[in-house]
Amino acid sequence: MEFSESFLKSHVLNRVAPIAFGALLGFGYYFFIGCSTGSCPITSNPWRSTAYGALMAAVLTIGNRANKSEKEASQKEES
């Protein structure tokens, strides 16, 4: 099964890019705000804050894709 170049580009833009951006925001939160005492469970470790940012981005984008596909299905039924 061969994948077209446009499919791969859209796959990267729709799935991987938001997760990478969330990971970048998570690391940025650790770096600029963080927790200096080490008592904060997420922000005291750069790996955890990066993973948390990626996870939150994945959750938000998965929910957005589900709503979009439901809207498209309802529009097809109406026409």
N, C-alpha and C. Protein backbone atom coordinates (compact mmCIF):
# COMPACT_ATOMS: atom_id res chain seq x y z
N MET A 1 0.84 -1.17 0.00
CA MET A 1 0.00 0.00 0.00
C MET A 1 0.89 1.24 0.00
N GLU A 2 0.74 2.06 -1.02
CA GLU A 2 1.54 3.26 -1.14
C GLU A 2 0.76 4.47 -0.64
N PHE A 3 1.47 5.34 0.03
CA PHE A 3 0.85 6.56 0.53
C PHE A 3 1.29 7.73 -0.34
N SER A 4 0.37 8.59 -0.64
CA SER A 4 0.72 9.76 -1.43
C SER A 4 1.42 10.78 -0.54
N GLU A 5 2.13 11.67 -1.20
CA GLU A 5 2.87 12.69 -0.47
C GLU A 5 1.93 13.64 0.26
N SER A 6 0.80 13.95 -0.34
CA SER A 6 -0.15 14.86 0.31
C SER A 6 -0.75 14.22 1.56
N PHE A 7 -0.98 12.90 1.52
CA PHE A 7 -1.50 12.20 2.70
C PHE A 7 -0.50 12.30 3.85
N LEU A 8 0.77 12.08 3.54
CA LEU A 8 1.79 12.14 4.59
C LEU A 8 1.92 13.55 5.16
N LYS A 9 1.85 14.56 4.29
CA LYS A 9 1.93 15.94 4.78
C LYS A 9 0.74 16.28 5.66
N SER A 10 -0.45 15.89 5.24
CA SER A 10 -1.63 16.20 6.05
C SER A 10 -1.61 15.42 7.36
N HIS A 11 -1.10 14.20 7.34
CA HIS A 11 -1.00 13.39 8.55
C HIS A 11 -0.06 14.07 9.56
N VAL A 12 1.06 14.54 9.07
CA VAL A 12 2.02 15.20 9.95
C VAL A 12 1.43 16.49 10.49
N LEU A 13 0.79 17.27 9.62
CA LEU A 13 0.24 18.55 10.07
C LEU A 13 -0.92 18.37 11.04
N ASN A 14 -1.71 17.34 10.86
CA ASN A 14 -2.89 17.16 11.70
C ASN A 14 -2.62 16.39 12.99
N ARG A 15 -1.62 15.58 13.03
CA ARG A 15 -1.42 14.73 14.21
C ARG A 15 -0.11 14.98 14.93
N VAL A 16 0.98 15.01 14.21
CA VAL A 16 2.29 15.10 14.85
C VAL A 16 2.63 16.53 15.26
N ALA A 17 2.33 17.49 14.41
CA ALA A 17 2.70 18.88 14.70
C ALA A 17 2.06 19.41 15.98
N PRO A 18 0.75 19.19 16.23
CA PRO A 18 0.20 19.70 17.50
C PRO A 18 0.82 19.05 18.73
N ILE A 19 1.15 17.77 18.63
CA ILE A 19 1.76 17.08 19.77
C ILE A 19 3.16 17.60 20.02
N ALA A 20 3.92 17.84 18.95
CA ALA A 20 5.26 18.41 19.10
C ALA A 20 5.19 19.82 19.67
N PHE A 21 4.21 20.61 19.24
CA PHE A 21 4.03 21.96 19.76
C PHE A 21 3.66 21.91 21.24
N GLY A 22 2.80 20.97 21.63
CA GLY A 22 2.44 20.81 23.04
C GLY A 22 3.63 20.42 23.89
N ALA A 23 4.48 19.54 23.34
CA ALA A 23 5.69 19.16 24.07
C ALA A 23 6.62 20.35 24.25
N LEU A 24 6.72 21.17 23.21
CA LEU A 24 7.54 22.38 23.29
C LEU A 24 6.99 23.35 24.34
N LEU A 25 5.67 23.50 24.37
CA LEU A 25 5.06 24.36 25.39
C LEU A 25 5.27 23.80 26.79
N GLY A 26 5.18 22.48 26.93
CA GLY A 26 5.42 21.86 28.24
C GLY A 26 6.84 22.10 28.73
N PHE A 27 7.81 21.97 27.82
CA PHE A 27 9.19 22.23 28.22
C PHE A 27 9.39 23.71 28.51
N GLY A 28 8.74 24.55 27.72
CA GLY A 28 8.84 25.99 27.97
C GLY A 28 8.27 26.36 29.33
N TYR A 29 7.19 25.70 29.71
CA TYR A 29 6.62 25.94 31.04
C TYR A 29 7.60 25.53 32.13
N TYR A 30 8.25 24.39 31.94
CA TYR A 30 9.27 23.96 32.92
C TYR A 30 10.41 24.96 32.99
N PHE A 31 10.88 25.39 31.83
CA PHE A 31 12.07 26.24 31.77
C PHE A 31 11.82 27.63 32.33
N PHE A 32 10.69 28.24 31.95
CA PHE A 32 10.45 29.62 32.33
C PHE A 32 9.71 29.77 33.66
N ILE A 33 8.83 28.84 33.98
CA ILE A 33 8.04 28.97 35.20
C ILE A 33 8.50 27.95 36.22
N GLY A 34 8.39 26.67 35.88
CA GLY A 34 8.93 25.57 36.67
C GLY A 34 8.69 25.62 38.16
N CYS A 35 9.36 24.75 38.85
CA CYS A 35 9.23 24.63 40.30
C CYS A 35 10.65 24.53 40.86
N SER A 36 11.06 25.52 41.58
CA SER A 36 12.44 25.56 42.09
C SER A 36 12.66 24.64 43.29
N THR A 37 11.60 24.33 44.03
CA THR A 37 11.77 23.52 45.23
C THR A 37 11.78 22.03 44.93
N GLY A 38 11.25 21.62 43.79
CA GLY A 38 11.21 20.20 43.45
C GLY A 38 9.99 19.49 44.01
N SER A 39 9.09 20.22 44.64
CA SER A 39 7.92 19.57 45.24
C SER A 39 6.74 19.47 44.28
N CYS A 40 6.81 20.11 43.13
CA CYS A 40 5.72 20.06 42.15
C CYS A 40 5.90 18.79 41.30
N PRO A 41 4.90 17.93 41.23
CA PRO A 41 5.09 16.65 40.56
C PRO A 41 5.30 16.75 39.05
N ILE A 42 4.73 17.73 38.38
CA ILE A 42 4.87 17.81 36.92
C ILE A 42 5.99 18.77 36.53
N THR A 43 6.03 19.93 37.11
CA THR A 43 6.96 20.96 36.65
C THR A 43 8.35 20.87 37.27
N SER A 44 8.60 19.95 38.17
CA SER A 44 9.93 19.84 38.75
C SER A 44 10.88 19.02 37.87
N ASN A 45 10.36 18.33 36.87
CA ASN A 45 11.15 17.48 36.00
C ASN A 45 10.86 17.85 34.55
N PRO A 46 11.89 18.14 33.73
CA PRO A 46 11.63 18.55 32.35
C PRO A 46 10.99 17.44 31.51
N TRP A 47 11.29 16.19 31.79
CA TRP A 47 10.70 15.09 31.03
C TRP A 47 9.20 14.99 31.31
N ARG A 48 8.82 15.17 32.55
CA ARG A 48 7.40 15.08 32.89
C ARG A 48 6.60 16.24 32.31
N SER A 49 7.15 17.44 32.40
CA SER A 49 6.41 18.59 31.87
C SER A 49 6.30 18.52 30.35
N THR A 50 7.33 18.02 29.68
CA THR A 50 7.29 17.86 28.22
C THR A 50 6.26 16.80 27.84
N ALA A 51 6.26 15.68 28.54
CA ALA A 51 5.29 14.62 28.27
C ALA A 51 3.87 15.08 28.57
N TYR A 52 3.71 15.85 29.62
CA TYR A 52 2.38 16.36 29.98
C TYR A 52 1.86 17.32 28.90
N GLY A 53 2.74 18.18 28.39
CA GLY A 53 2.34 19.09 27.32
C GLY A 53 1.95 18.34 26.06
N ALA A 54 2.71 17.31 25.71
CA ALA A 54 2.38 16.50 24.53
C ALA A 54 1.07 15.75 24.73
N LEU A 55 0.85 15.23 25.92
CA LEU A 55 -0.39 14.51 26.22
C LEU A 55 -1.60 15.44 26.14
N MET A 56 -1.48 16.62 26.69
CA MET A 56 -2.60 17.57 26.63
C MET A 56 -2.90 17.98 25.19
N ALA A 57 -1.87 18.18 24.39
CA ALA A 57 -2.08 18.52 22.98
C ALA A 57 -2.75 17.37 22.25
N ALA A 58 -2.35 16.13 22.54
CA ALA A 58 -2.96 14.98 21.90
C ALA A 58 -4.44 14.86 22.27
N VAL A 59 -4.74 15.06 23.53
CA VAL A 59 -6.14 14.99 23.97
C VAL A 59 -6.98 16.06 23.30
N LEU A 60 -6.45 17.26 23.21
CA LEU A 60 -7.20 18.35 22.58
C LEU A 60 -7.39 18.13 21.08
N THR A 61 -6.39 17.62 20.40
CA THR A 61 -6.53 17.42 18.96
C THR A 61 -7.40 16.22 18.64
N ILE A 62 -7.37 15.18 19.46
CA ILE A 62 -8.24 14.03 19.22
C ILE A 62 -9.70 14.44 19.39
N GLY A 63 -10.00 15.22 20.39
CA GLY A 63 -11.36 15.70 20.59
C GLY A 63 -11.81 16.58 19.45
N ASN A 64 -10.93 17.40 18.93
CA ASN A 64 -11.25 18.28 17.82
C ASN A 64 -11.54 17.47 16.55
N ARG A 65 -10.76 16.43 16.29
CA ARG A 65 -10.98 15.60 15.10
C ARG A 65 -12.30 14.86 15.19
N ALA A 66 -12.67 14.40 16.37
CA ALA A 66 -13.93 13.67 16.53
C ALA A 66 -15.11 14.59 16.26
N ASN A 67 -15.07 15.79 16.77
CA ASN A 67 -16.16 16.75 16.54
C ASN A 67 -16.25 17.13 15.06
N LYS A 68 -15.10 17.27 14.42
CA LYS A 68 -15.10 17.64 13.01
C LYS A 68 -15.71 16.53 12.16
N SER A 69 -15.39 15.27 12.44
CA SER A 69 -15.95 14.18 11.65
C SER A 69 -17.45 14.02 11.90
N GLU A 70 -17.91 14.29 13.12
CA GLU A 70 -19.35 14.24 13.40
C GLU A 70 -20.09 15.34 12.64
N LYS A 71 -19.51 16.53 12.56
CA LYS A 71 -20.13 17.63 11.83
C LYS A 71 -20.21 17.31 10.34
N GLU A 72 -19.14 16.73 9.80
CA GLU A 72 -19.14 16.38 8.39
C GLU A 72 -20.19 15.32 8.08
N ALA A 73 -20.34 14.35 8.97
CA ALA A 73 -21.33 13.29 8.76
C ALA A 73 -22.73 13.86 8.81
N SER A 74 -23.00 14.76 9.73
CA SER A 74 -24.33 15.35 9.84
C SER A 74 -24.64 16.23 8.63
N GLN A 75 -23.64 16.91 8.10
CA GLN A 75 -23.85 17.74 6.91
C GLN A 75 -24.15 16.88 5.69
N LYS A 76 -23.51 15.72 5.58
CA LYS A 76 -23.78 14.82 4.46
C LYS A 76 -25.19 14.25 4.54
N GLU A 77 -25.66 13.98 5.75
CA GLU A 77 -27.02 13.45 5.93
C GLU A 77 -28.07 14.48 5.58
N GLU A 78 -27.80 15.76 5.88
CA GLU A 78 -28.76 16.82 5.62
C GLU A 78 -28.90 17.11 4.12
N SER A 79 -27.84 16.92 3.35
CA SER A 79 -27.93 17.22 1.93
C SER A 79 -28.38 16.08 1.06
